[in-house]
Amino acid sequence: MSSDSITAVDYLRQQLALEKEAREHMPYDPNVCTYVLGPLKQQVYACLDCLEKDNGVLSGICYSCSVQCHSTHTLVELFTKRNFTCDCGTTRMKSNGACCLRTKLPGSRRNSSGIDSKSTVRQPAEDVPSLSNVYNHNFKGVFCSCEKVYNPVQETGNMVQCALGDVCGEDWFHDECLMGYPSGQVRRSNQVEVKSEVHGVNRLDSLGEAGLEAAADNDSDDGVDVEPLKGFPDLDDFDCIICWKCFAKHKAALSLLPAEIQLAKLAHIECKSEEEREKILAEESSVKIEDVPPQKKQKQGKKEYPETIFLKEGFKEVLQKVILKNDPQQALLIQFLKKFPFLYLEDPVYEPPEDEDDDASSLFDLGAKALNSLPREQAISGLQAYETIKSKLTTFLRPFAEEGKIVTEQEIRDFFEKETNER
């Protein structure tokens, strides 16, 4: 059997498998734009096509708009962003026009202005964008301090998200970049067995349910994972991080965090190898302040490097007790926590309602449902064309399926070419 041949039965099975996989990775009802809900912690996507057309203006869209308004565009899944409002249909994303979901809402300006909500003509984007949205380089499709495009297929290291994000914008960082190594510089090998359970939520490679791109990184064909970097904590030992950029800004307050909720801080030392890093750390640890003349102590003391904090699972409960105790000696930390309450309170991620479409619905059936959104004459013509081609294709494939014969790609192409010529 040639590589471009397949039985009709196998072809249909493949299509059903693809549809099932699509439902598993995109289980939500994509018919409600979150713009009307205001700022949320939610899944956010960047549209690279609109970024280019809007002259580099950064913007993000919600799950539903990624499906309904930008499905033919090049999208980058950013996973979750806090306090974010969808930009689709706002003046920040003028090039793509109005949000096709909000124009259907009762009371919409366009619905009440005589414009047919079922029209195929895209209305201009006129809604006001949120002033609370925060944008960083993730919205250009790049991540981490190394400014690299995230590719789950080619990614060789672990990535973690900063839980604070006040400076970095909730960026994702490679473990090696957190330590100060150039991305991809440190040699790594696949020698460590994958653990069956992963704790915590801020890991880019363990968010397969968020989308196809993430899932690709979570799958392992050979049952192995990348070798951990020496000095980097085991992923199971911490819940989330506060990156060195955010720590530097809030060092005074974060230095008051209880020791019981954090691992040893990780210094960000710019170097090219593990050996160089170890040498620098050894030299720093050998400096004894008491051996330095008083007039030189300030100049020759240990060099301070930016540090990343690793918070253990259950850290929020401890921080809640800090708030309740209200110790004057912890006043700076308490003030900081009240400014960023998600560090000690629940920080739920908004999820759209689940899609209630029958799991057995095929793409053909869903296509028929989509016809309801078209003007009447177009819908009737489309439905007739759909039923005709479905009937002819079924008739064409039936002999192959019944007899287990091979149907080649060329035969399928010939079928559609014939139908096109006969129209």
Protein backbone atom coordinates (compact mmCIF):
# COMPACT_ATOMS: atom_id res chain seq x y z
CA MET A 1 0.00 0.00 0.00
CA SER A 2 1.50 3.35 -1.01
CA SER A 3 1.87 6.20 1.48
CA ASP A 4 -0.78 8.27 -0.32
CA SER A 5 -3.41 5.49 -0.27
CA ILE A 6 -5.99 4.72 2.39
CA THR A 7 -9.17 2.67 2.69
CA ALA A 8 -12.43 4.56 2.99
CA VAL A 9 -13.06 2.95 6.38
CA ASP A 10 -9.67 4.10 7.68
CA TYR A 11 -10.24 7.57 6.23
CA LEU A 12 -13.54 7.95 8.08
CA ARG A 13 -11.99 6.62 11.28
CA GLN A 14 -9.21 9.16 11.01
CA GLN A 15 -11.70 11.99 10.58
CA LEU A 16 -13.65 10.88 13.65
CA ALA A 17 -10.43 10.65 15.66
CA LEU A 18 -9.42 14.16 14.61
CA GLU A 19 -12.84 15.52 15.57
CA LYS A 20 -12.64 13.79 18.96
CA GLU A 21 -9.19 15.26 19.58
CA ALA A 22 -10.41 18.73 18.62
CA ARG A 23 -13.32 18.46 21.10
CA GLU A 24 -10.95 17.35 23.87
CA HIS A 25 -8.56 20.25 23.38
CA MET A 26 -11.25 22.87 22.72
CA PRO A 27 -14.16 21.77 24.93
CA TYR A 28 -15.67 25.20 25.52
CA ASP A 29 -18.60 26.94 23.89
CA PRO A 30 -16.98 29.61 21.68
CA ASN A 31 -20.01 31.87 21.44
CA VAL A 32 -19.48 34.43 24.22
CA CYS A 33 -16.81 37.12 24.01
CA THR A 34 -15.45 37.96 27.47
CA TYR A 35 -15.21 41.70 26.69
CA VAL A 36 -18.66 42.17 28.24
CA LEU A 37 -17.48 40.50 31.47
CA GLY A 38 -14.68 43.00 32.09
CA PRO A 39 -11.18 42.19 33.40
CA LEU A 40 -10.63 38.49 34.12
CA LYS A 41 -7.84 36.02 34.63
CA GLN A 42 -8.39 34.03 31.48
CA GLN A 43 -6.83 32.27 28.52
CA VAL A 44 -5.45 34.90 26.16
CA TYR A 45 -4.26 34.64 22.56
CA ALA A 46 -2.15 37.01 20.49
CA CYS A 47 -2.99 37.44 16.81
CA LEU A 48 0.18 37.97 14.79
CA ASP A 49 -1.76 38.84 11.63
CA CYS A 50 -3.62 41.67 13.37
CA LEU A 51 -0.40 42.78 15.08
CA GLU A 52 1.13 43.39 11.66
CA LYS A 53 -1.97 45.02 10.18
CA ASP A 54 -2.36 47.29 13.22
CA ASN A 55 1.22 48.56 12.85
CA GLY A 56 2.60 46.69 15.85
CA VAL A 57 -0.04 47.70 18.40
CA LEU A 58 -0.05 44.91 21.01
CA SER A 59 -3.40 43.25 21.66
CA GLY A 60 -4.95 40.05 22.95
CA ILE A 61 -8.17 38.13 22.42
CA CYS A 62 -10.26 35.67 24.41
CA TYR A 63 -10.86 31.99 23.68
CA SER A 64 -14.14 32.55 21.84
CA CYS A 65 -12.74 35.25 19.57
CA SER A 66 -9.75 33.06 18.74
CA VAL A 67 -12.25 30.56 17.32
CA GLN A 68 -14.95 32.80 15.87
CA CYS A 69 -13.17 35.98 14.75
CA HIS A 70 -9.53 35.01 14.14
CA SER A 71 -9.68 31.33 13.16
CA THR A 72 -7.89 31.94 9.84
CA HIS A 73 -5.14 34.03 11.46
CA THR A 74 -1.79 33.07 12.97
CA LEU A 75 -2.39 32.88 16.73
CA VAL A 76 -0.07 32.44 19.70
CA GLU A 77 -1.50 30.91 22.85
CA LEU A 78 -0.32 32.93 25.86
CA PHE A 79 -2.13 30.75 28.42
CA THR A 80 -3.47 32.83 31.33
CA LYS A 81 -3.16 36.56 31.92
CA ARG A 82 -4.59 38.32 34.97
CA ASN A 83 -7.09 41.21 34.81
CA PHE A 84 -7.30 41.04 31.03
CA THR A 85 -10.15 42.26 28.82
CA CYS A 86 -10.54 40.98 25.27
CA ASP A 87 -9.36 43.49 22.63
CA CYS A 88 -11.28 42.01 19.70
CA GLY A 89 -13.63 44.57 18.16
CA THR A 90 -12.03 47.50 19.97
CA THR A 91 -10.20 50.42 18.42
CA ARG A 92 -6.97 48.72 19.50
CA MET A 93 -7.59 46.04 16.83
CA LYS A 94 -9.10 48.11 14.04
CA SER A 95 -7.87 45.95 11.17
CA ASN A 96 -10.16 43.01 11.95
CA GLY A 97 -13.33 45.03 12.37
CA ALA A 98 -16.08 44.50 14.91
CA CYS A 99 -16.26 41.39 17.11
CA CYS A 100 -18.66 39.06 15.30
CA LEU A 101 -19.93 37.72 18.64
CA ARG A 102 -20.79 41.03 20.28
CA THR A 103 -22.61 42.31 17.19
CA LYS A 104 -25.14 39.52 17.77
CA LEU A 105 -25.91 40.57 21.34
CA PRO A 106 -29.37 42.03 22.06
CA GLY A 107 -29.08 45.80 22.41
CA SER A 108 -25.87 45.99 20.41
CA ARG A 109 -25.46 49.36 18.68
CA ARG A 110 -25.15 47.56 15.38
CA ASN A 111 -28.17 45.38 16.06
CA SER A 112 -30.27 48.42 16.87
CA SER A 113 -28.98 50.55 14.01
CA GLY A 114 -30.61 48.63 11.21
CA ILE A 115 -27.52 46.58 10.36
CA ASP A 116 -28.32 42.93 9.81
CA SER A 117 -26.35 40.88 12.37
CA LYS A 118 -26.25 38.02 9.86
CA SER A 119 -24.59 40.13 7.21
CA THR A 120 -21.28 38.84 5.93
CA VAL A 121 -19.95 42.43 5.81
CA ARG A 122 -17.62 43.09 8.78
CA GLN A 123 -18.48 46.30 10.61
CA PRO A 124 -15.73 48.65 11.87
CA ALA A 125 -14.19 48.16 15.32
CA GLU A 126 -15.58 50.91 17.54
CA ASP A 127 -15.57 49.56 21.12
CA VAL A 128 -13.32 51.17 23.73
CA PRO A 129 -10.32 49.05 24.76
CA SER A 130 -9.61 48.40 28.43
CA LEU A 131 -7.14 50.69 30.18
CA SER A 132 -6.21 47.99 32.71
CA ASN A 133 -4.67 45.53 30.25
CA VAL A 134 -0.93 44.98 30.61
CA TYR A 135 1.09 43.96 27.56
CA ASN A 136 4.58 42.55 27.24
CA HIS A 137 6.61 40.83 24.53
CA ASN A 138 4.44 37.70 24.86
CA PHE A 139 1.92 39.53 22.67
CA LYS A 140 4.53 39.52 19.90
CA GLY A 141 4.80 35.75 20.22
CA VAL A 142 8.04 35.65 22.20
CA PHE A 143 8.74 34.57 25.77
CA CYS A 144 11.42 34.74 28.48
CA SER A 145 14.36 37.11 28.86
CA CYS A 146 15.95 35.35 25.87
CA GLU A 147 13.16 36.72 23.62
CA LYS A 148 12.58 33.39 21.89
CA VAL A 149 9.47 32.13 20.13
CA TYR A 150 7.98 29.24 22.10
CA ASN A 151 7.92 26.04 20.05
CA PRO A 152 6.64 23.03 22.06
CA VAL A 153 8.01 20.58 19.51
CA GLN A 154 11.55 21.94 19.64
CA GLU A 155 11.61 23.04 23.29
CA THR A 156 14.28 21.17 25.28
CA GLY A 157 13.92 22.76 28.70
CA ASN A 158 11.31 23.52 31.32
CA MET A 159 9.47 26.83 31.47
CA VAL A 160 7.75 28.40 34.48
CA GLN A 161 5.54 31.45 34.78
CA CYS A 162 6.11 34.31 37.19
CA ALA A 163 3.21 34.42 39.65
CA LEU A 164 3.64 38.13 40.40
CA GLY A 165 4.22 39.66 36.97
CA ASP A 166 4.41 43.27 38.13
CA VAL A 167 7.58 43.87 36.11
CA CYS A 168 7.71 40.97 33.67
CA GLY A 169 4.00 40.89 32.76
CA GLU A 170 3.51 37.28 33.95
CA ASP A 171 6.19 36.12 31.55
CA TRP A 172 7.34 32.54 31.10
CA PHE A 173 11.02 31.75 31.71
CA HIS A 174 13.32 28.90 30.74
CA ASP A 175 14.95 27.34 33.77
CA GLU A 176 18.39 28.01 32.26
CA CYS A 177 17.53 31.67 31.65
CA LEU A 178 16.44 32.09 35.28
CA MET A 179 19.91 30.91 36.27
CA GLY A 180 21.57 33.32 33.85
CA TYR A 181 22.70 30.92 31.13
CA PRO A 182 22.20 31.85 27.46
CA SER A 183 19.22 29.88 26.16
CA GLY A 184 20.33 26.56 24.67
CA GLN A 185 23.94 27.07 25.75
CA VAL A 186 24.01 24.46 28.53
CA ARG A 187 24.22 20.91 27.26
CA ARG A 188 21.29 18.73 28.32
CA SER A 189 20.27 15.15 27.66
CA ASN A 190 17.11 13.07 27.95
CA GLN A 191 18.03 10.78 30.81
CA VAL A 192 15.51 11.35 33.54
CA GLU A 193 12.26 9.39 33.74
CA VAL A 194 9.06 11.40 33.47
CA LYS A 195 7.16 11.55 36.74
CA SER A 196 3.55 10.47 36.52
CA GLU A 197 2.22 13.37 38.56
CA VAL A 198 2.99 17.06 38.19
CA HIS A 199 2.06 19.54 40.91
CA GLY A 200 1.47 23.25 40.53
CA VAL A 201 -0.12 25.20 37.74
CA ASN A 202 2.53 27.56 36.41
CA ARG A 203 4.39 25.26 34.05
CA LEU A 204 4.23 25.87 30.36
CA ASP A 205 4.99 22.25 29.55
CA SER A 206 2.24 20.80 31.75
CA LEU A 207 -0.73 22.75 30.40
CA GLY A 208 -1.75 20.37 27.65
CA GLU A 209 -5.45 20.93 28.25
CA ALA A 210 -5.07 24.60 27.38
CA GLY A 211 -4.45 23.94 23.71
CA LEU A 212 -2.83 21.83 21.03
CA GLU A 213 0.47 23.68 21.22
CA ALA A 214 0.84 22.98 24.91
CA ALA A 215 -0.23 19.38 24.53
CA ALA A 216 2.57 18.68 22.11
CA ASP A 217 5.11 19.49 24.80
CA ASN A 218 3.36 17.39 27.42
CA ASP A 219 3.48 14.20 25.38
CA SER A 220 6.49 11.94 25.64
CA ASP A 221 6.97 9.08 23.22
CA ASP A 222 10.01 7.62 24.91
CA GLY A 223 9.07 8.09 28.56
CA VAL A 224 11.96 10.45 29.35
CA ASP A 225 12.27 14.10 30.25
CA VAL A 226 15.07 16.61 29.96
CA GLU A 227 17.91 16.33 32.45
CA PRO A 228 17.43 18.93 35.22
CA LEU A 229 19.94 21.73 35.54
CA LYS A 230 22.29 21.46 38.46
CA GLY A 231 21.15 23.89 41.13
CA PHE A 232 17.62 24.30 39.77
CA PRO A 233 14.86 22.99 42.09
CA ASP A 234 12.86 19.90 41.17
CA LEU A 235 9.55 20.91 39.57
CA ASP A 236 7.65 18.92 42.19
CA ASP A 237 9.22 20.87 45.05
CA PHE A 238 7.58 24.23 44.36
CA ASP A 239 4.22 25.66 43.35
CA CYS A 240 5.23 28.86 41.53
CA ILE A 241 7.95 31.47 41.23
CA ILE A 242 8.49 35.20 41.53
CA CYS A 243 11.08 36.02 38.89
CA TRP A 244 14.30 37.93 39.53
CA LYS A 245 12.95 40.99 37.71
CA CYS A 246 9.92 41.31 39.99
CA PHE A 247 11.96 40.38 43.08
CA ALA A 248 14.42 43.20 42.37
CA LYS A 249 11.61 45.78 42.39
CA HIS A 250 10.01 44.48 45.61
CA LYS A 251 13.08 43.12 47.36
CA ALA A 252 12.46 44.88 50.68
CA ALA A 253 8.96 43.42 51.07
CA LEU A 254 9.70 39.99 49.59
CA SER A 255 12.71 39.56 51.86
CA LEU A 256 10.20 39.38 54.73
CA LEU A 257 8.45 36.29 53.33
CA PRO A 258 8.42 33.43 55.88
CA ALA A 259 11.26 30.98 55.26
CA GLU A 260 8.87 28.04 55.63
CA ILE A 261 7.07 28.82 52.33
CA GLN A 262 10.09 29.15 50.06
CA LEU A 263 13.02 27.16 48.78
CA ALA A 264 16.53 28.59 48.62
CA LYS A 265 16.59 31.62 46.33
CA LEU A 266 18.12 31.11 42.90
CA ALA A 267 20.71 33.68 41.86
CA HIS A 268 20.62 35.01 38.30
CA ILE A 269 24.31 34.94 37.36
CA GLU A 270 25.09 35.66 33.73
CA CYS A 271 27.57 32.98 32.64
CA LYS A 272 28.01 30.43 29.87
CA SER A 273 28.46 27.13 31.71
CA GLU A 274 27.76 25.28 34.95
CA GLU A 275 31.49 25.28 35.67
CA GLU A 276 31.68 29.06 35.36
CA ARG A 277 28.66 29.48 37.62
CA GLU A 278 30.10 27.18 40.27
CA LYS A 279 33.39 29.07 40.18
CA ILE A 280 31.64 32.42 40.70
CA LEU A 281 29.57 31.05 43.59
CA ALA A 282 32.65 29.50 45.18
CA GLU A 283 34.54 32.78 44.97
CA GLU A 284 31.63 34.68 46.49
CA SER A 285 31.23 32.21 49.36
CA SER A 286 34.95 32.43 50.15
CA VAL A 287 34.77 36.18 50.79
CA LYS A 288 34.88 36.78 54.54
CA ILE A 289 33.77 40.23 55.52
CA GLU A 290 35.73 40.12 58.79
CA ASP A 291 38.97 39.68 56.82
CA VAL A 292 38.38 42.86 54.82
CA PRO A 293 39.66 46.20 56.20
CA PRO A 294 36.76 48.34 57.52
CA GLN A 295 37.25 51.05 54.90
CA LYS A 296 36.86 48.45 52.11
CA LYS A 297 34.03 46.32 53.52
CA GLN A 298 31.35 48.07 51.53
CA LYS A 299 33.25 47.77 48.28
CA GLN A 300 34.59 44.24 48.67
CA GLY A 301 31.63 42.47 50.24
CA LYS A 302 29.67 39.73 48.47
CA LYS A 303 28.25 40.81 45.15
CA GLU A 304 24.47 40.85 45.09
CA TYR A 305 22.83 39.05 42.18
CA PRO A 306 19.14 39.25 41.19
CA GLU A 307 17.27 36.29 42.68
CA THR A 308 14.21 34.21 41.85
CA ILE A 309 11.92 33.05 44.65
CA PHE A 310 10.39 29.55 44.62
CA LEU A 311 7.18 29.36 46.64
CA LYS A 312 6.12 26.01 48.07
CA GLU A 313 2.68 24.48 47.76
CA GLY A 314 0.37 25.87 50.45
CA PHE A 315 2.13 29.24 50.66
CA LYS A 316 -1.16 31.15 50.44
CA GLU A 317 -2.45 29.71 53.72
CA VAL A 318 0.68 30.90 55.51
CA LEU A 319 0.42 34.37 53.99
CA GLN A 320 -3.22 34.59 55.06
CA LYS A 321 -2.05 34.08 58.66
CA VAL A 322 0.49 36.87 58.20
CA ILE A 323 -2.33 39.20 57.14
CA LEU A 324 -4.52 38.19 60.09
CA LYS A 325 -1.72 38.50 62.65
CA ASN A 326 -0.91 42.02 61.42
CA ASP A 327 2.51 42.11 63.07
CA PRO A 328 3.98 45.66 62.87
CA GLN A 329 7.35 44.15 62.01
CA GLN A 330 5.73 42.67 58.90
CA ALA A 331 4.05 45.94 57.90
CA LEU A 332 5.98 46.26 54.63
CA LEU A 333 5.13 42.70 53.59
CA ILE A 334 1.47 43.14 54.56
CA GLN A 335 1.25 46.35 52.54
CA PHE A 336 2.77 44.51 49.57
CA LEU A 337 0.35 41.57 49.88
CA LYS A 338 -2.66 43.87 50.03
CA LYS A 339 -1.48 45.48 46.79
CA PHE A 340 -1.25 42.03 45.18
CA PRO A 341 -4.00 40.06 46.98
CA PHE A 342 -3.87 37.18 44.50
CA LEU A 343 -0.72 36.04 46.31
CA TYR A 344 -2.76 35.03 49.36
CA LEU A 345 -6.34 34.82 48.07
CA GLU A 346 -7.91 32.51 45.51
CA ASP A 347 -6.97 33.47 41.95
CA PRO A 348 -9.47 31.57 39.78
CA VAL A 349 -9.10 31.27 36.02
CA TYR A 350 -12.25 32.04 34.02
CA GLU A 351 -13.41 29.16 31.86
CA PRO A 352 -16.13 29.56 29.22
CA PRO A 353 -19.13 27.24 29.59
CA GLU A 354 -18.58 23.80 28.13
CA ASP A 355 -19.80 23.21 24.60
CA GLU A 356 -23.11 21.36 24.84
CA ASP A 357 -23.03 20.17 21.23
CA ASP A 358 -23.50 16.43 20.94
CA ASP A 359 -20.10 14.72 21.09
CA ALA A 360 -21.18 12.64 18.11
CA SER A 361 -21.63 15.71 15.93
CA SER A 362 -19.42 15.56 12.88
CA LEU A 363 -17.82 18.47 11.09
CA PHE A 364 -20.42 18.00 8.34
CA ASP A 365 -23.20 18.40 10.92
CA LEU A 366 -21.53 21.42 12.51
CA GLY A 367 -21.22 22.96 9.08
CA ALA A 368 -24.95 22.59 8.61
CA LYS A 369 -25.55 24.34 11.93
CA ALA A 370 -23.34 27.21 10.83
CA LEU A 371 -25.66 27.81 7.89
CA ASN A 372 -28.21 29.19 10.35
CA SER A 373 -26.05 32.29 10.75
CA LEU A 374 -26.27 33.12 7.04
CA PRO A 375 -28.97 35.21 5.33
CA ARG A 376 -31.92 33.05 4.27
CA GLU A 377 -31.15 32.83 0.53
CA GLN A 378 -27.49 32.04 1.14
CA ALA A 379 -28.40 29.46 3.77
CA ILE A 380 -30.81 27.66 1.45
CA SER A 381 -28.27 27.60 -1.38
CA GLY A 382 -25.53 26.47 0.97
CA LEU A 383 -27.68 23.75 2.49
CA GLN A 384 -28.63 22.41 -0.92
CA ALA A 385 -24.99 22.36 -2.01
CA TYR A 386 -23.98 20.69 1.24
CA GLU A 387 -26.59 17.94 0.96
CA THR A 388 -25.70 17.35 -2.69
CA ILE A 389 -21.97 16.99 -2.14
CA LYS A 390 -22.49 14.90 1.00
CA SER A 391 -24.76 12.50 -0.90
CA LYS A 392 -22.39 12.22 -3.86
CA LEU A 393 -19.33 11.72 -1.67
CA THR A 394 -21.10 9.04 0.35
CA THR A 395 -22.12 7.25 -2.86
CA PHE A 396 -18.57 7.53 -4.19
CA LEU A 397 -16.97 6.10 -1.04
CA ARG A 398 -19.52 3.34 -0.37
CA PRO A 399 -18.01 0.72 -2.74
CA PHE A 400 -14.57 1.31 -1.28
CA ALA A 401 -15.86 0.90 2.26
CA GLU A 402 -17.95 -2.20 1.52
CA GLU A 403 -15.18 -4.01 -0.31
CA GLY A 404 -12.26 -2.69 1.75
CA LYS A 405 -10.70 -1.24 -1.38
CA ILE A 406 -8.02 1.40 -1.44
CA VAL A 407 -9.00 4.97 -2.19
CA THR A 408 -6.07 7.16 -3.13
CA GLU A 409 -5.58 10.85 -2.60
CA GLN A 410 -5.66 11.32 -6.36
CA GLU A 411 -9.06 9.60 -6.61
CA ILE A 412 -10.45 11.98 -4.00
CA ARG A 413 -8.99 14.95 -5.88
CA ASP A 414 -10.46 13.64 -9.15
CA PHE A 415 -13.87 13.34 -7.50
CA PHE A 416 -13.93 16.98 -6.37
CA GLU A 417 -12.46 18.20 -9.65
CA LYS A 418 -15.23 16.41 -11.53
CA GLU A 419 -17.88 17.94 -9.28
CA THR A 420 -16.38 21.39 -9.77
CA ASN A 421 -16.35 21.04 -13.57
CA GLU A 422 -19.98 19.86 -13.66
CA ARG A 423 -21.28 22.90 -11.80
